[in-house]
N, C-alpha and C. Protein backbone atom coordinates (compact mmCIF):
# COMPACT_ATOMS: atom_id res chain seq x y z
N MET A 1 0.89 -1.11 0.01
CA MET A 1 0.26 0.10 0.28
C MET A 1 0.63 1.14 0.12
N LYS A 2 1.69 1.36 0.75
CA LYS A 2 2.64 2.66 0.99
C LYS A 2 3.32 2.45 -0.42
N LYS A 3 3.83 1.71 -1.23
CA LYS A 3 4.44 1.92 -2.75
C LYS A 3 3.07 2.69 -3.41
N TYR A 4 2.18 1.99 -3.38
CA TYR A 4 1.06 2.72 -4.24
C TYR A 4 0.86 4.06 -3.72
N LEU A 5 1.37 4.69 -2.53
CA LEU A 5 0.82 6.19 -2.30
C LEU A 5 2.02 6.73 -2.60
N ILE A 6 3.31 5.96 -2.49
CA ILE A 6 4.68 7.11 -3.45
C ILE A 6 4.31 7.42 -4.65
N ILE A 7 3.96 5.95 -5.31
CA ILE A 7 3.67 6.51 -6.79
C ILE A 7 2.92 7.31 -7.32
N LEU A 8 1.69 7.39 -6.52
CA LEU A 8 0.39 8.48 -6.54
C LEU A 8 0.97 9.95 -6.02
N ILE A 9 1.98 10.12 -5.29
CA ILE A 9 2.56 11.07 -4.77
C ILE A 9 3.39 12.12 -5.95
N ILE A 10 4.32 11.00 -6.34
CA ILE A 10 4.96 11.32 -7.45
C ILE A 10 4.11 11.51 -8.76
N LEU A 11 2.94 11.02 -9.22
CA LEU A 11 2.32 11.42 -10.13
C LEU A 11 1.72 12.78 -10.04
N LEU A 12 1.45 12.57 -8.83
CA LEU A 12 0.12 14.07 -9.17
C LEU A 12 1.23 15.37 -8.49
N THR A 13 2.76 15.42 -8.05
CA THR A 13 3.54 16.22 -8.00
C THR A 13 4.16 16.60 -9.51
N SER A 14 4.31 15.60 -10.46
CA SER A 14 5.19 15.78 -11.56
C SER A 14 4.09 16.96 -12.79
N ASN A 15 2.61 16.20 -12.57
CA ASN A 15 1.76 17.05 -13.25
C ASN A 15 1.90 18.70 -12.52
N LEU A 16 2.11 18.62 -11.28
CA LEU A 16 2.03 19.93 -10.80
C LEU A 16 3.35 20.89 -11.11
N ILE A 17 4.44 20.27 -11.61
CA ILE A 17 5.41 21.07 -11.86
C ILE A 17 5.34 20.98 -12.79
N TYR A 18 5.12 20.00 -13.83
CA TYR A 18 4.76 20.45 -15.34
C TYR A 18 4.09 21.64 -15.44
N ALA A 19 2.63 21.84 -15.28
CA ALA A 19 1.65 22.79 -15.47
C ALA A 19 2.17 24.17 -14.84
N ALA A 20 3.47 24.34 -14.11
CA ALA A 20 3.91 25.54 -13.36
C ALA A 20 4.47 26.20 -14.73
N PRO A 21 4.40 27.14 -15.11
CA PRO A 21 5.30 27.99 -16.15
C PRO A 21 6.65 28.30 -15.70
N PRO A 22 7.33 28.37 -17.10
CA PRO A 22 8.86 28.30 -16.64
C PRO A 22 9.17 29.69 -15.92
N ALA A 23 10.16 29.93 -15.60
CA ALA A 23 10.60 31.16 -15.06
C ALA A 23 11.09 31.91 -16.22
N PRO A 24 11.15 33.17 -15.88
CA PRO A 24 11.25 34.43 -17.25
C PRO A 24 12.68 34.47 -17.91
N TRP A 25 13.54 34.10 -16.88
CA TRP A 25 14.88 33.64 -17.40
C TRP A 25 15.03 32.43 -18.40
N GLU A 26 14.53 31.66 -18.13
CA GLU A 26 14.83 30.41 -19.14
C GLU A 26 15.01 30.60 -20.14
N ALA A 27 13.95 31.34 -20.72
CA ALA A 27 13.66 31.54 -22.41
C ALA A 27 15.48 32.09 -22.73
N ASP A 28 15.71 33.09 -21.96
CA ASP A 28 17.19 33.41 -22.52
C ASP A 28 18.32 32.32 -22.81
N ASP A 29 17.74 31.40 -22.15
CA ASP A 29 19.06 30.76 -22.41
C ASP A 29 18.65 29.57 -23.81
N ILE A 30 17.59 29.74 -24.36
CA ILE A 30 17.63 29.02 -25.63
C ILE A 30 17.90 29.88 -27.02
N VAL A 31 18.41 31.08 -26.86
CA VAL A 31 18.42 32.35 -27.72
C VAL A 31 19.68 31.86 -28.11
N GLY A 32 19.82 31.66 -29.33
CA GLY A 32 21.51 31.29 -30.19
C GLY A 32 21.70 30.02 -30.05
N LYS A 33 20.98 29.14 -29.73
CA LYS A 33 20.84 27.59 -30.11
C LYS A 33 19.42 27.03 -30.99
N ASN A 34 20.19 26.13 -31.91
CA ASN A 34 19.32 25.40 -32.19
C ASN A 34 17.67 25.45 -32.09
N ALA A 35 16.70 25.83 -33.10
CA ALA A 35 15.09 25.72 -32.03
C ALA A 35 15.03 24.51 -32.41
N PRO A 36 14.34 24.03 -30.99
CA PRO A 36 13.78 22.92 -30.85
C PRO A 36 12.82 22.63 -31.43
N ASP A 37 13.04 21.24 -32.39
CA ASP A 37 12.28 20.40 -33.19
C ASP A 37 11.01 20.16 -32.60
N PHE A 38 9.78 20.24 -33.22
CA PHE A 38 8.47 19.71 -32.93
C PHE A 38 7.27 19.41 -33.93
N THR A 39 6.93 18.55 -33.60
CA THR A 39 5.69 18.08 -34.60
C THR A 39 4.19 18.74 -34.01
N LEU A 40 3.60 19.43 -34.37
CA LEU A 40 2.15 19.69 -34.03
C LEU A 40 1.41 19.55 -35.36
N ASN A 41 -0.28 19.36 -34.84
CA ASN A 41 -1.23 19.34 -35.96
C ASN A 41 -1.46 20.90 -36.38
N SER A 42 -1.81 20.77 -37.63
CA SER A 42 -2.04 22.39 -37.76
C SER A 42 -3.64 22.76 -37.70
N ILE A 43 -4.32 23.77 -37.51
CA ILE A 43 -5.69 23.71 -37.53
C ILE A 43 -6.78 23.04 -38.05
N GLU A 44 -6.13 23.06 -39.46
CA GLU A 44 -6.67 21.98 -40.49
C GLU A 44 -6.58 20.53 -39.88
N GLY A 45 -5.79 20.27 -38.96
CA GLY A 45 -5.47 18.67 -38.61
C GLY A 45 -3.93 18.40 -39.42
N LYS A 46 -3.72 18.86 -40.44
CA LYS A 46 -2.36 18.11 -41.04
C LYS A 46 -1.02 18.85 -39.76
N LYS A 47 -0.57 17.24 -39.51
CA LYS A 47 1.18 17.77 -39.26
C LYS A 47 2.09 18.14 -39.80
N ILE A 48 2.36 18.85 -39.12
CA ILE A 48 3.67 20.19 -39.50
C ILE A 48 4.71 20.12 -38.51
N LYS A 49 5.96 19.67 -38.72
CA LYS A 49 7.11 19.61 -38.29
C LYS A 49 8.05 20.97 -38.82
N LEU A 50 8.98 21.17 -37.55
CA LEU A 50 9.18 22.97 -37.81
C LEU A 50 10.36 22.53 -38.72
N SER A 51 11.23 21.17 -38.30
CA SER A 51 12.45 21.12 -39.16
C SER A 51 11.99 21.44 -40.65
N VAL A 52 10.60 20.95 -41.34
CA VAL A 52 10.70 21.19 -42.72
C VAL A 52 10.80 22.28 -43.02
N TYR A 53 11.12 23.33 -42.17
CA TYR A 53 11.10 24.89 -42.82
C TYR A 53 12.33 25.41 -42.97
N LYS A 54 13.56 24.72 -42.22
CA LYS A 54 14.93 25.03 -42.38
C LYS A 54 15.32 25.57 -43.70
N GLY A 55 16.09 26.70 -43.98
CA GLY A 55 16.16 27.52 -44.44
C GLY A 55 15.51 28.68 -45.30
N LYS A 56 14.40 28.46 -44.40
CA LYS A 56 13.44 29.85 -44.24
C LYS A 56 13.75 30.60 -43.01
N THR A 57 13.24 31.68 -42.88
CA THR A 57 13.21 32.76 -41.44
C THR A 57 11.76 32.54 -41.13
N ILE A 58 11.86 31.96 -39.86
CA ILE A 58 10.50 31.91 -39.36
C ILE A 58 10.29 32.87 -37.93
N LEU A 59 9.08 33.32 -37.90
CA LEU A 59 9.05 33.78 -36.57
C LEU A 59 7.83 32.55 -36.35
N LEU A 60 8.36 32.15 -35.07
CA LEU A 60 7.53 31.41 -34.10
C LEU A 60 6.53 32.06 -33.40
N ASN A 61 5.14 32.21 -33.20
CA ASN A 61 4.47 32.99 -32.40
C ASN A 61 3.37 32.35 -31.51
N PHE A 62 3.55 32.53 -30.18
CA PHE A 62 2.93 31.37 -29.28
C PHE A 62 1.52 32.22 -28.45
N TRP A 63 0.08 31.99 -28.84
CA TRP A 63 -0.67 32.73 -28.63
C TRP A 63 -1.81 32.00 -28.35
N ALA A 64 -2.70 32.90 -28.20
CA ALA A 64 -4.17 32.20 -27.40
C ALA A 64 -5.57 33.34 -28.06
N THR A 65 -6.70 32.73 -28.05
CA THR A 65 -7.91 33.58 -28.61
C THR A 65 -8.30 34.59 -27.48
N TRP A 66 -8.17 34.22 -26.10
CA TRP A 66 -8.62 35.05 -24.53
C TRP A 66 -7.20 36.24 -24.68
N CYS A 67 -6.39 35.98 -24.95
CA CYS A 67 -5.22 37.11 -25.01
C CYS A 67 -5.39 38.22 -25.84
N GLY A 68 -5.66 39.30 -25.13
CA GLY A 68 -5.84 40.73 -25.76
C GLY A 68 -4.77 41.21 -26.40
N PRO A 69 -3.45 40.88 -25.98
CA PRO A 69 -2.51 41.61 -26.43
C PRO A 69 -2.03 40.02 -27.76
N CYS A 70 -2.27 39.52 -28.27
CA CYS A 70 -2.42 38.58 -28.93
C CYS A 70 -3.37 38.63 -30.00
N GLN A 71 -4.52 39.35 -29.84
CA GLN A 71 -5.00 39.89 -30.89
C GLN A 71 -4.87 41.00 -31.43
N GLU A 72 -4.27 42.19 -30.64
CA GLU A 72 -3.71 43.19 -31.16
C GLU A 72 -2.83 42.93 -32.02
N GLU A 73 -1.75 41.98 -31.88
CA GLU A 73 -0.91 42.05 -32.97
C GLU A 73 -0.88 41.45 -34.23
N ILE A 74 -2.02 40.78 -34.38
CA ILE A 74 -2.46 39.83 -35.60
C ILE A 74 -2.24 40.73 -36.77
N PRO A 75 -2.93 41.58 -36.98
CA PRO A 75 -3.18 42.82 -38.30
C PRO A 75 -1.89 42.81 -38.77
N ALA A 76 -0.76 43.39 -37.67
CA ALA A 76 0.60 43.60 -38.08
C ALA A 76 1.36 42.39 -38.32
N MET A 77 0.83 40.90 -38.06
CA MET A 77 1.70 39.63 -38.47
C MET A 77 1.35 39.40 -39.80
N ASN A 78 -0.12 39.59 -40.19
CA ASN A 78 -0.32 39.46 -41.17
C ASN A 78 0.16 40.52 -42.42
N GLN A 79 0.43 41.66 -41.94
CA GLN A 79 1.10 42.54 -43.13
C GLN A 79 2.56 42.37 -43.35
N LEU A 80 3.36 41.77 -41.82
CA LEU A 80 4.98 41.32 -41.94
C LEU A 80 5.12 40.35 -42.95
N LEU A 81 4.14 39.13 -42.74
CA LEU A 81 4.02 37.99 -43.34
C LEU A 81 3.62 38.37 -45.14
N GLU A 82 3.00 39.57 -45.57
CA GLU A 82 2.50 39.86 -46.99
C GLU A 82 3.89 40.33 -47.51
N ARG A 83 4.35 41.21 -46.52
CA ARG A 83 5.65 42.02 -46.96
C ARG A 83 7.06 41.00 -47.42
N PHE A 84 7.11 40.05 -46.45
CA PHE A 84 8.23 39.21 -46.47
C PHE A 84 8.05 37.67 -47.30
N LYS A 85 7.06 37.56 -47.37
CA LYS A 85 6.94 35.92 -47.80
C LYS A 85 7.41 35.85 -48.96
N LYS A 86 7.39 36.43 -49.81
CA LYS A 86 8.47 36.20 -51.01
C LYS A 86 9.91 36.11 -51.16
N LYS A 87 10.44 36.65 -49.78
CA LYS A 87 11.79 36.46 -49.63
C LYS A 87 11.60 35.02 -48.46
N GLY A 88 11.30 34.43 -48.36
CA GLY A 88 11.41 33.01 -47.73
C GLY A 88 11.03 32.95 -46.20
N PHE A 89 10.36 33.95 -46.17
CA PHE A 89 9.57 34.09 -44.45
C PHE A 89 8.32 33.53 -44.45
N ILE A 90 8.29 33.00 -42.77
CA ILE A 90 6.73 32.25 -42.71
C ILE A 90 6.53 32.95 -41.26
N ILE A 91 5.79 32.28 -40.68
CA ILE A 91 5.15 32.69 -39.62
C ILE A 91 4.01 30.91 -39.28
N LEU A 92 4.57 30.72 -38.17
CA LEU A 92 3.90 29.51 -37.23
C LEU A 92 3.38 30.33 -36.08
N ALA A 93 2.07 30.35 -36.13
CA ALA A 93 1.31 30.63 -34.67
C ALA A 93 0.81 29.78 -34.00
N VAL A 94 1.20 29.36 -32.72
CA VAL A 94 0.92 28.16 -32.25
C VAL A 94 -0.03 28.43 -30.64
N SER A 95 -1.16 28.20 -30.77
CA SER A 95 -2.03 28.33 -30.28
C SER A 95 -2.36 27.19 -28.89
N ILE A 96 -2.14 27.94 -28.01
CA ILE A 96 -2.54 26.97 -26.78
C ILE A 96 -4.15 26.86 -25.80
N ASP A 97 -4.89 27.56 -26.96
CA ASP A 97 -6.13 27.18 -26.42
C ASP A 97 -6.72 25.48 -26.25
N ASP A 98 -7.39 25.35 -25.62
CA ASP A 98 -7.94 24.19 -25.01
C ASP A 98 -8.52 23.36 -26.38
N ASP A 99 -9.31 23.75 -27.13
CA ASP A 99 -9.68 22.67 -28.04
C ASP A 99 -9.82 23.98 -29.46
N ASP A 100 -9.67 22.95 -30.45
CA ASP A 100 -10.01 23.46 -31.95
C ASP A 100 -11.01 24.15 -31.71
N GLU A 101 -12.42 23.99 -31.47
CA GLU A 101 -13.41 24.89 -31.88
C GLU A 101 -13.40 26.10 -31.66
N THR A 102 -12.89 26.56 -30.34
CA THR A 102 -12.60 27.56 -30.05
C THR A 102 -11.64 28.41 -30.75
N VAL A 103 -10.68 27.87 -31.36
CA VAL A 103 -9.83 28.69 -31.90
C VAL A 103 -10.55 28.98 -33.73
N SER A 104 -11.31 28.16 -34.81
CA SER A 104 -12.15 27.58 -35.10
C SER A 104 -12.97 28.71 -35.70
N ASN A 105 -13.88 28.97 -34.40
CA ASN A 105 -14.84 30.35 -34.07
C ASN A 105 -13.87 31.54 -34.38
N PHE A 106 -12.97 31.35 -33.33
CA PHE A 106 -12.14 32.97 -33.30
C PHE A 106 -11.53 33.03 -34.80
N LEU A 107 -11.11 32.48 -35.89
CA LEU A 107 -10.86 32.67 -37.18
C LEU A 107 -11.78 32.80 -37.89
N LYS A 108 -13.20 32.72 -37.62
CA LYS A 108 -14.28 33.34 -38.24
C LYS A 108 -14.54 34.71 -38.40
N ASN A 109 -13.95 35.53 -37.74
CA ASN A 109 -14.05 36.74 -37.38
C ASN A 109 -12.49 37.67 -37.27
N THR A 110 -11.60 36.96 -37.50
CA THR A 110 -10.40 37.29 -37.38
C THR A 110 -9.50 36.59 -38.47
N ALA A 111 -8.75 37.46 -39.56
CA ALA A 111 -8.05 37.10 -40.96
C ALA A 111 -6.79 36.64 -39.92
N MET A 112 -6.10 35.57 -40.15
CA MET A 112 -4.84 35.23 -39.58
C MET A 112 -4.07 34.55 -40.92
N ASN A 113 -3.30 35.16 -41.78
CA ASN A 113 -3.08 34.67 -43.11
C ASN A 113 -1.70 33.90 -43.19
N PHE A 114 -1.07 32.88 -42.01
CA PHE A 114 -0.04 31.99 -41.92
C PHE A 114 -0.53 30.58 -41.22
N THR A 115 0.14 30.05 -40.93
CA THR A 115 -0.02 29.03 -40.53
C THR A 115 0.04 28.96 -38.85
N ILE A 116 -1.50 28.07 -38.38
CA ILE A 116 -1.99 27.81 -37.28
C ILE A 116 -1.92 26.62 -36.63
N LEU A 117 -1.08 26.45 -35.77
CA LEU A 117 -0.72 25.25 -35.04
C LEU A 117 -1.52 24.99 -33.81
N ARG A 118 -1.43 23.68 -33.16
CA ARG A 118 -2.38 23.62 -32.03
C ARG A 118 -1.04 23.03 -30.95
N ASP A 119 -1.11 23.81 -29.67
CA ASP A 119 -0.52 22.82 -28.69
C ASP A 119 -1.05 23.24 -27.32
N PRO A 120 -2.58 22.53 -27.13
CA PRO A 120 -3.07 22.72 -26.16
C PRO A 120 -2.50 22.23 -24.81
N GLU A 121 -1.67 21.56 -24.51
CA GLU A 121 -1.31 21.09 -23.41
C GLU A 121 0.12 22.05 -23.27
N GLN A 122 0.59 22.63 -23.55
CA GLN A 122 1.43 23.78 -23.82
C GLN A 122 2.86 22.92 -23.81
N LYS A 123 2.71 21.53 -24.17
CA LYS A 123 4.32 21.03 -23.71
C LYS A 123 5.11 21.73 -24.90
N ILE A 124 5.09 22.12 -25.95
CA ILE A 124 6.11 22.40 -26.87
C ILE A 124 6.37 23.56 -26.40
N ALA A 125 5.00 24.67 -26.09
CA ALA A 125 5.56 25.98 -25.27
C ALA A 125 6.29 26.07 -24.24
N ARG A 126 5.96 25.57 -23.02
CA ARG A 126 6.83 25.71 -21.90
C ARG A 126 7.97 24.49 -21.87
N SER A 127 7.55 23.32 -21.94
CA SER A 127 8.77 22.51 -22.11
C SER A 127 10.23 23.00 -23.11
N SER A 128 9.83 23.20 -24.28
CA SER A 128 10.89 23.28 -25.21
C SER A 128 11.26 24.68 -25.70
N TYR A 129 10.24 25.49 -25.56
CA TYR A 129 10.22 26.99 -25.73
C TYR A 129 10.66 28.14 -24.42
N LYS A 130 10.07 27.51 -23.22
CA LYS A 130 10.38 27.98 -22.14
C LYS A 130 9.32 29.47 -22.25
N VAL A 131 8.23 29.38 -22.68
CA VAL A 131 7.06 30.09 -22.79
C VAL A 131 6.41 30.90 -21.70
N PHE A 132 6.42 31.76 -20.67
CA PHE A 132 6.01 31.55 -19.59
C PHE A 132 4.69 33.02 -19.74
N GLY A 133 4.41 33.21 -20.94
CA GLY A 133 3.36 34.46 -20.91
C GLY A 133 2.81 34.62 -22.56
N TYR A 134 2.03 34.99 -22.66
CA TYR A 134 1.16 35.25 -24.21
C TYR A 134 0.76 36.72 -24.40
N PRO A 135 1.38 37.36 -25.83
CA PRO A 135 2.35 36.52 -26.73
C PRO A 135 3.57 36.41 -26.40
N PHE A 136 4.55 35.29 -27.23
CA PHE A 136 5.81 34.84 -27.01
C PHE A 136 6.38 34.82 -28.30
N SER A 137 7.17 35.35 -28.40
CA SER A 137 7.70 34.95 -30.12
C SER A 137 9.43 34.23 -30.14
N PHE A 138 9.43 34.44 -31.27
CA PHE A 138 10.91 33.76 -31.53
C PHE A 138 11.22 34.00 -32.95
N LEU A 139 12.31 34.34 -33.20
CA LEU A 139 12.71 34.72 -34.52
C LEU A 139 14.00 33.88 -34.89
N ILE A 140 13.50 32.50 -36.03
CA ILE A 140 14.40 31.20 -36.37
C ILE A 140 15.23 32.26 -37.56
N ASN A 141 16.35 31.57 -37.66
CA ASN A 141 17.13 32.09 -38.69
C ASN A 141 17.01 30.76 -40.20
N LYS A 142 17.26 31.02 -41.08
CA LYS A 142 17.77 29.89 -42.05
C LYS A 142 18.36 28.91 -41.70
N LYS A 143 19.11 29.10 -40.96
CA LYS A 143 20.12 27.99 -40.38
C LYS A 143 19.12 27.26 -39.36
N GLY A 144 17.88 27.36 -38.52
CA GLY A 144 17.65 27.14 -37.52
C GLY A 144 17.48 27.14 -36.09
N ILE A 145 18.26 28.51 -36.39
CA ILE A 145 18.78 29.03 -34.78
C ILE A 145 18.15 30.24 -34.53
N ILE A 146 17.90 30.01 -33.20
CA ILE A 146 16.70 31.23 -32.31
C ILE A 146 17.86 32.17 -32.27
N VAL A 147 17.47 33.83 -32.90
CA VAL A 147 18.19 34.67 -32.99
C VAL A 147 17.87 36.00 -32.09
N LYS A 148 16.47 35.40 -31.91
CA LYS A 148 15.53 36.79 -31.01
C LYS A 148 14.68 36.27 -30.37
N ARG A 149 14.22 36.67 -29.22
CA ARG A 149 12.57 36.31 -28.95
C ARG A 149 12.20 37.86 -28.29
N TYR A 150 10.60 37.54 -28.47
CA TYR A 150 10.09 38.66 -28.23
C TYR A 150 9.07 38.37 -27.08
N ILE A 151 9.09 39.23 -26.25
CA ILE A 151 8.15 39.27 -25.01
C ILE A 151 6.71 39.74 -25.27
N GLY A 152 5.22 39.55 -25.18
CA GLY A 152 4.65 40.77 -25.23
C GLY A 152 4.27 40.76 -26.34
N ALA A 153 3.17 41.67 -26.89
CA ALA A 153 2.98 42.01 -28.21
C ALA A 153 3.78 43.05 -28.96
N VAL A 154 3.89 43.03 -29.96
CA VAL A 154 5.26 43.32 -31.09
C VAL A 154 3.99 44.14 -32.08
N ASP A 155 4.84 45.64 -32.24
CA ASP A 155 4.32 46.24 -33.34
C ASP A 155 5.08 45.32 -34.80
N TRP A 156 4.63 44.60 -35.41
CA TRP A 156 5.68 43.92 -36.51
C TRP A 156 5.87 44.58 -37.31
N ILE A 157 5.32 45.68 -37.88
CA ILE A 157 5.94 46.90 -38.85
C ILE A 157 6.35 47.60 -38.69
N ASP A 158 6.87 47.94 -37.19
CA ASP A 158 7.62 48.89 -36.79
C ASP A 158 9.15 49.03 -37.77
N SER A 159 9.63 49.80 -38.16
CA SER A 159 10.52 50.00 -39.06
C SER A 159 11.81 49.70 -38.48
N ASP A 160 12.04 49.58 -36.91
CA ASP A 160 13.31 48.86 -36.21
C ASP A 160 13.05 47.39 -36.29
N ILE A 161 11.55 47.00 -36.09
CA ILE A 161 11.10 45.01 -36.58
C ILE A 161 11.93 44.80 -37.88
N LEU A 162 10.96 45.40 -38.82
CA LEU A 162 10.95 45.07 -40.49
C LEU A 162 12.86 44.90 -40.82
N ASN A 163 13.61 46.20 -39.99
CA ASN A 163 15.01 46.18 -40.42
C ASN A 163 15.60 44.97 -39.88
N GLU A 164 15.02 44.61 -38.65
CA GLU A 164 16.22 43.34 -37.90
C GLU A 164 15.48 42.12 -38.70
N ILE A 165 14.08 41.99 -39.26
CA ILE A 165 13.75 40.94 -39.56
C ILE A 165 14.30 40.72 -41.15
N SER A 166 14.49 41.62 -41.96
CA SER A 166 15.02 41.84 -43.22
C SER A 166 16.59 41.43 -43.18
N GLY A 167 17.21 41.70 -41.96
CA GLY A 167 18.56 41.26 -42.18
C GLY A 167 18.62 39.85 -42.09
N TYR A 168 17.43 39.00 -41.91
CA TYR A 168 17.77 37.78 -41.75
C TYR A 168 17.53 37.03 -43.08
N LEU A 169 16.74 37.58 -43.70
CA LEU A 169 16.44 37.34 -45.16
C LEU A 169 17.16 37.31 -46.32
N LYS A 170 18.38 37.77 -46.25
CA LYS A 170 19.56 37.71 -46.82
C LYS A 170 20.26 36.58 -47.11
């Protein structure tokens, strides 16, 4: 009986540890390193693997439908993609919403002209990318290296941001 109680405690506490968001400084540790590869389903149900986009500059954005700042940056993200897509730039937006229906309903009223992936358990967001709040974005260069992280909403069409991203498209 004692053995089962210990196993139960370990299982319960490991779930609690996993549920806690990473500390803010943990995301610093992955900048300059290879972007952790992952496979997630798109909103259409297609499996998407990050590594197939090697050779392209990627904006990897973690967001949620309930997140006001996430919603605010979507129009600028659409403009950013339109501006740079012919130069090998893509945006992968990873929703951490609990269910597909919530995201699908959101998309009925909001244009998102980029690939939307699903991470409802936040396994990729928290474990691989150390995301602790939303929105949270990473710029990944053509070699698959994370070159920049962005915490919070970003004005993606600000001239400094455009110049920064443009520099990675060459």
